[in-house]
Amino acid sequence: MNRCPCNTVRATGFFLYSDGITECESPAGELFGAERLRGFVEETRHLEVGEVIRELDERIGAWRGGDGFEDDISLLVLEVC
């Protein structure tokens, strides 16, 4: 698991993920990557945890260009209040 510490408006939290997210390839073979994931975390930090997970699921699916992944996709978002 990798982690990306983040600060939210309401709390501090942790965004834990497997390399299946950062190594997810687009149809053109480009990796989703850590920088794109960091941008996503910053962009969605104001959302509720469930919304963040749904948004990432949608975004990574769109990035992949269809259903199914080559690797496992694991994600855990912890919000410390």
Protein backbone atom coordinates (compact mmCIF):
# COMPACT_ATOMS: atom_id res chain seq x y z
CA MET A 1 0.00 0.00 0.00
CA ASN A 2 1.08 3.53 -0.74
CA ARG A 3 -0.18 6.55 1.11
CA CYS A 4 -0.82 10.16 0.29
CA PRO A 5 -1.37 12.30 3.40
CA CYS A 6 -3.92 15.01 2.76
CA ASN A 7 -5.56 17.84 4.64
CA THR A 8 -9.24 18.46 4.21
CA VAL A 9 -11.33 21.44 5.15
CA ARG A 10 -12.94 19.52 8.02
CA ALA A 11 -10.28 17.06 9.01
CA THR A 12 -6.97 15.43 8.31
CA GLY A 13 -6.96 12.07 6.64
CA PHE A 14 -5.03 9.42 4.81
CA PHE A 15 -5.53 8.16 1.30
CA LEU A 16 -4.13 4.62 1.03
CA TYR A 17 -3.99 2.90 -2.33
CA SER A 18 -2.47 -0.01 -4.18
CA ASP A 19 -0.18 0.42 -7.16
CA GLY A 20 -3.02 -0.84 -9.35
CA ILE A 21 -4.34 2.72 -9.35
CA THR A 22 -1.13 4.52 -10.27
CA GLU A 23 -0.15 1.80 -12.75
CA CYS A 24 -3.56 1.71 -14.44
CA GLU A 25 -2.99 2.23 -18.16
CA SER A 26 -5.06 4.23 -20.61
CA PRO A 27 -5.82 2.67 -24.01
CA ALA A 28 -2.76 4.58 -25.28
CA GLY A 29 -0.56 2.89 -22.65
CA GLU A 30 -0.09 5.97 -20.42
CA LEU A 31 -0.04 5.31 -16.67
CA PHE A 32 -2.53 7.09 -14.41
CA GLY A 33 0.48 7.91 -12.24
CA ALA A 34 1.15 9.35 -8.81
CA GLU A 35 1.03 12.99 -9.95
CA ARG A 36 -2.43 12.57 -11.45
CA LEU A 37 -3.57 10.81 -8.27
CA ARG A 38 -2.15 13.61 -6.08
CA GLY A 39 -4.04 16.12 -8.22
CA PHE A 40 -7.21 14.09 -7.77
CA VAL A 41 -6.75 14.06 -3.97
CA GLU A 42 -6.26 17.83 -3.91
CA GLU A 43 -9.22 18.37 -6.23
CA THR A 44 -11.62 16.24 -4.17
CA ARG A 45 -10.43 17.01 -0.64
CA HIS A 46 -13.60 18.96 0.13
CA LEU A 47 -15.87 15.98 -0.67
CA GLU A 48 -17.24 13.36 1.71
CA VAL A 49 -15.23 10.12 1.78
CA GLY A 50 -17.91 8.15 -0.10
CA GLU A 51 -18.00 10.77 -2.85
CA VAL A 52 -14.21 10.65 -3.19
CA ILE A 53 -14.29 6.88 -3.65
CA ARG A 54 -17.13 7.06 -6.21
CA GLU A 55 -15.38 9.85 -8.11
CA LEU A 56 -12.09 7.94 -8.27
CA ASP A 57 -13.89 4.80 -9.40
CA GLU A 58 -15.50 6.76 -12.23
CA ARG A 59 -12.31 8.56 -13.16
CA ILE A 60 -10.09 5.49 -13.17
CA GLY A 61 -12.70 3.59 -15.21
CA ALA A 62 -12.84 6.40 -17.76
CA TRP A 63 -9.02 6.51 -17.82
CA ARG A 64 -8.89 2.78 -18.48
CA GLY A 65 -11.41 3.15 -21.27
CA GLY A 66 -13.72 0.34 -20.23
CA ASP A 67 -14.43 -2.34 -17.69
CA GLY A 68 -11.82 -4.53 -16.09
CA PHE A 69 -8.30 -3.90 -14.88
CA GLU A 70 -4.99 -5.68 -15.35
CA ASP A 71 -4.13 -5.31 -11.65
CA ASP A 72 -6.06 -5.09 -8.41
CA ILE A 73 -7.43 -1.68 -7.43
CA SER A 74 -7.43 -1.14 -3.67
CA LEU A 75 -8.30 2.05 -1.86
CA LEU A 76 -8.82 3.07 1.74
CA VAL A 77 -9.68 6.64 2.72
CA LEU A 78 -9.43 7.49 6.40
CA GLU A 79 -10.76 10.72 7.82
CA VAL A 80 -9.53 11.72 11.27
CA CYS A 81 -11.88 14.15 12.98
